[in-house]
Amino acid sequence: MNKKIALIMVIITSMALAQNGKQVFETYCWGCHHQTAVAFGPSFSQIASKRSIEEIEAMITDPATISTILGYKRNAMPAFQLTSQELEAITAYILSFKPKIDTKQTIEKKAQ
């Protein structure tokens, strides 16, 4: 019974975080980023497939520094002063667009 309750709590928390992330996205990110299509900035699916949680959070809070570290020649993204909850929510929202890996195809490719 406790495992079911814990699972339900995780699901509810994840859903709430995703909803909060969507709200943060609509407030701060929508002008330059789209979830799956390239706009002025890369899509969230591109970002999620290339970057770690730490890199995403750093790009949001200190884009000038992380752009230099990642080897970019220029940076157009402004720094955002988000609360820790907003930062966690938008990061989780971005990562929710990470492409799903087909495990069977991955194993088959490795076997060839």
N, C-alpha and C. Protein backbone atom coordinates (compact mmCIF):
# COMPACT_ATOMS: atom_id res chain seq x y z
N MET A 1 0.81 -1.19 0.00
CA MET A 1 0.00 0.00 0.00
C MET A 1 0.86 1.26 0.00
N ASN A 2 1.95 1.26 0.78
CA ASN A 2 2.82 2.43 0.84
C ASN A 2 3.49 2.71 -0.50
N LYS A 3 3.83 1.65 -1.25
CA LYS A 3 4.45 1.83 -2.56
C LYS A 3 3.48 2.49 -3.53
N LYS A 4 2.20 2.11 -3.45
CA LYS A 4 1.19 2.73 -4.32
C LYS A 4 1.03 4.20 -4.00
N ILE A 5 1.00 4.53 -2.73
CA ILE A 5 0.86 5.92 -2.32
C ILE A 5 2.08 6.73 -2.76
N ALA A 6 3.25 6.15 -2.59
CA ALA A 6 4.48 6.84 -3.01
C ALA A 6 4.48 7.07 -4.52
N LEU A 7 4.05 6.07 -5.28
CA LEU A 7 3.99 6.20 -6.73
C LEU A 7 2.99 7.28 -7.14
N ILE A 8 1.85 7.28 -6.50
CA ILE A 8 0.84 8.31 -6.79
C ILE A 8 1.39 9.69 -6.48
N MET A 9 2.09 9.84 -5.38
CA MET A 9 2.67 11.13 -5.00
C MET A 9 3.71 11.58 -6.02
N VAL A 10 4.54 10.65 -6.51
CA VAL A 10 5.54 10.97 -7.52
C VAL A 10 4.86 11.45 -8.79
N ILE A 11 3.81 10.76 -9.20
CA ILE A 11 3.09 11.13 -10.42
C ILE A 11 2.45 12.50 -10.26
N ILE A 12 1.80 12.75 -9.14
CA ILE A 12 1.17 14.05 -8.91
C ILE A 12 2.21 15.15 -8.87
N THR A 13 3.33 14.90 -8.20
CA THR A 13 4.40 15.89 -8.14
C THR A 13 4.96 16.17 -9.52
N SER A 14 5.17 15.14 -10.32
CA SER A 14 5.69 15.30 -11.68
C SER A 14 4.73 16.11 -12.53
N MET A 15 3.44 15.82 -12.40
CA MET A 15 2.44 16.55 -13.17
C MET A 15 2.41 18.02 -12.76
N ALA A 16 2.48 18.28 -11.47
CA ALA A 16 2.48 19.66 -10.99
C ALA A 16 3.73 20.40 -11.45
N LEU A 17 4.87 19.73 -11.40
CA LEU A 17 6.13 20.32 -11.85
C LEU A 17 6.06 20.64 -13.34
N ALA A 18 5.52 19.73 -14.12
CA ALA A 18 5.39 19.95 -15.56
C ALA A 18 4.46 21.14 -15.83
N GLN A 19 3.36 21.23 -15.10
CA GLN A 19 2.43 22.35 -15.30
C GLN A 19 3.11 23.66 -14.92
N ASN A 20 3.85 23.67 -13.82
CA ASN A 20 4.58 24.87 -13.42
C ASN A 20 5.64 25.21 -14.46
N GLY A 21 6.31 24.19 -14.98
CA GLY A 21 7.32 24.40 -16.02
C GLY A 21 6.72 25.01 -17.26
N LYS A 22 5.54 24.55 -17.62
CA LYS A 22 4.86 25.12 -18.79
C LYS A 22 4.54 26.60 -18.54
N GLN A 23 4.12 26.93 -17.34
CA GLN A 23 3.82 28.33 -17.01
C GLN A 23 5.08 29.18 -17.07
N VAL A 24 6.20 28.67 -16.56
CA VAL A 24 7.47 29.41 -16.63
C VAL A 24 7.87 29.58 -18.09
N PHE A 25 7.73 28.51 -18.89
CA PHE A 25 8.02 28.57 -20.32
C PHE A 25 7.21 29.67 -20.99
N GLU A 26 5.91 29.70 -20.73
CA GLU A 26 5.04 30.69 -21.36
C GLU A 26 5.38 32.11 -20.92
N THR A 27 5.90 32.26 -19.72
CA THR A 27 6.26 33.58 -19.20
C THR A 27 7.60 34.08 -19.74
N TYR A 28 8.61 33.21 -19.77
CA TYR A 28 9.97 33.66 -20.07
C TYR A 28 10.55 33.17 -21.40
N CYS A 29 10.13 32.03 -21.87
CA CYS A 29 10.86 31.36 -22.97
C CYS A 29 10.17 31.41 -24.33
N TRP A 30 8.87 31.55 -24.34
CA TRP A 30 8.06 31.42 -25.54
C TRP A 30 8.52 32.32 -26.68
N GLY A 31 9.04 33.48 -26.40
CA GLY A 31 9.45 34.41 -27.46
C GLY A 31 10.60 33.90 -28.31
N CYS A 32 11.45 33.03 -27.76
CA CYS A 32 12.63 32.56 -28.49
C CYS A 32 12.67 31.05 -28.69
N HIS A 33 12.00 30.29 -27.85
CA HIS A 33 12.06 28.83 -27.92
C HIS A 33 10.67 28.24 -28.10
N HIS A 34 10.63 27.13 -28.82
CA HIS A 34 9.40 26.33 -28.93
C HIS A 34 9.75 24.93 -28.47
N GLN A 35 8.75 24.18 -28.16
CA GLN A 35 9.00 22.87 -27.60
C GLN A 35 9.71 21.93 -28.58
N THR A 36 9.24 21.86 -29.81
CA THR A 36 9.80 20.89 -30.75
C THR A 36 10.29 21.48 -32.06
N ALA A 37 10.10 22.77 -32.27
CA ALA A 37 10.53 23.42 -33.51
C ALA A 37 11.56 24.50 -33.21
N VAL A 38 12.51 24.65 -34.11
CA VAL A 38 13.52 25.69 -33.94
C VAL A 38 12.86 27.05 -34.18
N ALA A 39 13.09 27.97 -33.30
CA ALA A 39 12.61 29.34 -33.45
C ALA A 39 13.87 30.21 -33.45
N PHE A 40 13.90 31.30 -32.72
CA PHE A 40 15.13 32.09 -32.61
C PHE A 40 16.19 31.29 -31.88
N GLY A 41 15.77 30.56 -30.87
CA GLY A 41 16.67 29.68 -30.13
C GLY A 41 16.34 28.23 -30.43
N PRO A 42 17.17 27.30 -29.98
CA PRO A 42 16.91 25.88 -30.24
C PRO A 42 15.64 25.39 -29.55
N SER A 43 15.07 24.33 -30.10
CA SER A 43 13.87 23.75 -29.50
C SER A 43 14.24 23.03 -28.20
N PHE A 44 13.24 22.85 -27.36
CA PHE A 44 13.47 22.13 -26.12
C PHE A 44 13.88 20.69 -26.38
N SER A 45 13.37 20.09 -27.46
CA SER A 45 13.78 18.71 -27.76
C SER A 45 15.26 18.65 -28.12
N GLN A 46 15.77 19.67 -28.82
CA GLN A 46 17.20 19.72 -29.12
C GLN A 46 18.02 19.91 -27.85
N ILE A 47 17.59 20.84 -27.03
CA ILE A 47 18.31 21.12 -25.78
C ILE A 47 18.33 19.88 -24.89
N ALA A 48 17.17 19.25 -24.73
CA ALA A 48 17.06 18.08 -23.85
C ALA A 48 17.90 16.91 -24.33
N SER A 49 18.08 16.80 -25.64
CA SER A 49 18.85 15.67 -26.16
C SER A 49 20.35 15.88 -26.03
N LYS A 50 20.79 17.14 -25.80
CA LYS A 50 22.23 17.43 -25.75
C LYS A 50 22.75 17.83 -24.38
N ARG A 51 21.90 18.34 -23.52
CA ARG A 51 22.37 18.96 -22.28
C ARG A 51 21.92 18.25 -21.02
N SER A 52 22.76 18.36 -19.99
CA SER A 52 22.44 17.81 -18.67
C SER A 52 21.58 18.81 -17.90
N ILE A 53 21.06 18.35 -16.78
CA ILE A 53 20.28 19.24 -15.91
C ILE A 53 21.12 20.45 -15.53
N GLU A 54 22.36 20.20 -15.14
CA GLU A 54 23.24 21.29 -14.69
C GLU A 54 23.51 22.29 -15.81
N GLU A 55 23.73 21.80 -17.01
CA GLU A 55 23.99 22.70 -18.15
C GLU A 55 22.76 23.53 -18.48
N ILE A 56 21.59 22.93 -18.42
CA ILE A 56 20.36 23.66 -18.70
C ILE A 56 20.15 24.76 -17.66
N GLU A 57 20.30 24.40 -16.40
CA GLU A 57 20.12 25.39 -15.33
C GLU A 57 21.15 26.52 -15.45
N ALA A 58 22.39 26.19 -15.77
CA ALA A 58 23.43 27.21 -15.91
C ALA A 58 23.13 28.13 -17.10
N MET A 59 22.62 27.56 -18.19
CA MET A 59 22.31 28.38 -19.36
C MET A 59 21.19 29.36 -19.05
N ILE A 60 20.26 28.97 -18.19
CA ILE A 60 19.16 29.84 -17.82
C ILE A 60 19.63 30.95 -16.88
N THR A 61 20.46 30.60 -15.92
CA THR A 61 20.86 31.58 -14.90
C THR A 61 22.10 32.40 -15.26
N ASP A 62 23.00 31.83 -16.06
CA ASP A 62 24.23 32.53 -16.43
C ASP A 62 24.65 32.16 -17.86
N PRO A 63 23.85 32.56 -18.84
CA PRO A 63 24.11 32.13 -20.21
C PRO A 63 25.45 32.61 -20.79
N ALA A 64 25.92 33.76 -20.39
CA ALA A 64 27.19 34.26 -20.93
C ALA A 64 28.34 33.34 -20.55
N THR A 65 28.41 32.95 -19.29
CA THR A 65 29.49 32.09 -18.83
C THR A 65 29.39 30.69 -19.42
N ILE A 66 28.20 30.08 -19.37
CA ILE A 66 28.08 28.72 -19.87
C ILE A 66 28.27 28.66 -21.38
N SER A 67 27.89 29.71 -22.09
CA SER A 67 28.11 29.74 -23.54
C SER A 67 29.60 29.68 -23.85
N THR A 68 30.39 30.41 -23.09
CA THR A 68 31.84 30.38 -23.26
C THR A 68 32.39 28.99 -22.94
N ILE A 69 31.94 28.41 -21.86
CA ILE A 69 32.40 27.08 -21.46
C ILE A 69 32.05 26.04 -22.52
N LEU A 70 30.86 26.17 -23.11
CA LEU A 70 30.43 25.22 -24.13
C LEU A 70 31.03 25.50 -25.51
N GLY A 71 31.78 26.60 -25.61
CA GLY A 71 32.49 26.88 -26.85
C GLY A 71 31.72 27.70 -27.87
N TYR A 72 30.62 28.33 -27.45
CA TYR A 72 29.86 29.16 -28.38
C TYR A 72 30.59 30.48 -28.61
N LYS A 73 30.54 30.98 -29.82
CA LYS A 73 31.19 32.25 -30.14
C LYS A 73 30.36 33.44 -29.70
N ARG A 74 29.05 33.24 -29.62
CA ARG A 74 28.18 34.34 -29.20
C ARG A 74 27.02 33.79 -28.39
N ASN A 75 26.31 34.67 -27.72
CA ASN A 75 25.17 34.29 -26.92
C ASN A 75 24.13 35.40 -26.99
N ALA A 76 22.90 35.05 -27.31
CA ALA A 76 21.83 36.04 -27.38
C ALA A 76 20.84 35.89 -26.22
N MET A 77 21.02 34.85 -25.42
CA MET A 77 20.07 34.59 -24.35
C MET A 77 20.34 35.45 -23.13
N PRO A 78 19.31 36.11 -22.61
CA PRO A 78 19.50 36.89 -21.38
C PRO A 78 19.49 35.97 -20.16
N ALA A 79 20.07 36.43 -19.08
CA ALA A 79 20.02 35.69 -17.82
C ALA A 79 18.66 35.92 -17.17
N PHE A 80 18.12 34.88 -16.56
CA PHE A 80 16.83 35.01 -15.88
C PHE A 80 17.02 34.79 -14.39
N GLN A 81 16.37 35.61 -13.60
CA GLN A 81 16.41 35.49 -12.15
C GLN A 81 15.16 34.74 -11.71
N LEU A 82 15.23 33.44 -11.71
CA LEU A 82 14.09 32.61 -11.33
C LEU A 82 14.25 32.11 -9.91
N THR A 83 13.13 31.79 -9.29
CA THR A 83 13.20 31.15 -7.98
C THR A 83 13.72 29.72 -8.19
N SER A 84 14.16 29.08 -7.14
CA SER A 84 14.64 27.71 -7.28
C SER A 84 13.52 26.78 -7.77
N GLN A 85 12.28 27.05 -7.34
CA GLN A 85 11.16 26.24 -7.80
C GLN A 85 10.90 26.46 -9.29
N GLU A 86 10.98 27.70 -9.76
CA GLU A 86 10.79 27.98 -11.19
C GLU A 86 11.89 27.34 -12.02
N LEU A 87 13.12 27.42 -11.54
CA LEU A 87 14.26 26.84 -12.25
C LEU A 87 14.11 25.32 -12.34
N GLU A 88 13.74 24.70 -11.25
CA GLU A 88 13.53 23.25 -11.26
C GLU A 88 12.38 22.88 -12.20
N ALA A 89 11.31 23.66 -12.18
CA ALA A 89 10.14 23.37 -13.02
C ALA A 89 10.46 23.53 -14.50
N ILE A 90 11.13 24.60 -14.89
CA ILE A 90 11.43 24.80 -16.31
C ILE A 90 12.45 23.77 -16.79
N THR A 91 13.39 23.40 -15.95
CA THR A 91 14.37 22.39 -16.33
C THR A 91 13.68 21.05 -16.55
N ALA A 92 12.79 20.67 -15.65
CA ALA A 92 12.04 19.41 -15.80
C ALA A 92 11.17 19.47 -17.06
N TYR A 93 10.58 20.62 -17.32
CA TYR A 93 9.74 20.78 -18.52
C TYR A 93 10.58 20.62 -19.78
N ILE A 94 11.73 21.26 -19.82
CA ILE A 94 12.62 21.12 -20.99
C ILE A 94 13.01 19.66 -21.17
N LEU A 95 13.41 19.00 -20.10
CA LEU A 95 13.85 17.61 -20.20
C LEU A 95 12.71 16.65 -20.57
N SER A 96 11.47 17.08 -20.37
CA SER A 96 10.35 16.22 -20.75
C SER A 96 10.25 16.08 -22.27
N PHE A 97 10.97 16.91 -23.01
CA PHE A 97 10.98 16.84 -24.48
C PHE A 97 12.16 16.03 -25.01
N LYS A 98 12.89 15.39 -24.12
CA LYS A 98 14.00 14.54 -24.55
C LYS A 98 13.45 13.40 -25.38
N PRO A 99 14.01 13.17 -26.56
CA PRO A 99 13.50 12.09 -27.41
C PRO A 99 13.58 10.74 -26.68
N LYS A 100 12.54 9.96 -26.84
CA LYS A 100 12.50 8.63 -26.24
C LYS A 100 13.38 7.70 -27.06
N ILE A 101 14.18 6.89 -26.40
CA ILE A 101 15.09 5.95 -27.07
C ILE A 101 14.40 4.61 -27.20
N ASP A 102 14.43 4.07 -28.38
CA ASP A 102 13.90 2.74 -28.62
C ASP A 102 15.00 1.74 -28.23
N THR A 103 14.85 1.14 -27.06
CA THR A 103 15.88 0.25 -26.52
C THR A 103 16.17 -0.93 -27.45
N LYS A 104 15.14 -1.50 -28.04
CA LYS A 104 15.33 -2.64 -28.93
C LYS A 104 16.20 -2.25 -30.13
N GLN A 105 15.93 -1.08 -30.73
CA GLN A 105 16.73 -0.65 -31.88
C GLN A 105 18.17 -0.36 -31.47
N THR A 106 18.35 0.21 -30.30
CA THR A 106 19.69 0.51 -29.79
C THR A 106 20.48 -0.77 -29.61
N ILE A 107 19.88 -1.79 -29.04
CA ILE A 107 20.56 -3.07 -28.82
C ILE A 107 20.89 -3.73 -30.16
N GLU A 108 19.96 -3.67 -31.09
CA GLU A 108 20.18 -4.26 -32.42
C GLU A 108 21.35 -3.56 -33.13
N LYS A 109 21.43 -2.25 -33.04
CA LYS A 109 22.53 -1.50 -33.69
C LYS A 109 23.88 -1.88 -33.08
N LYS A 110 23.92 -2.03 -31.77
CA LYS A 110 25.16 -2.40 -31.08
C LYS A 110 25.61 -3.81 -31.48
N ALA A 111 24.63 -4.68 -31.70
CA ALA A 111 24.94 -6.07 -32.05
C ALA A 111 25.50 -6.20 -33.47
N GLN A 112 25.22 -5.23 -34.33
CA GLN A 112 25.66 -5.33 -35.72
C GLN A 112 27.09 -5.03 -35.89
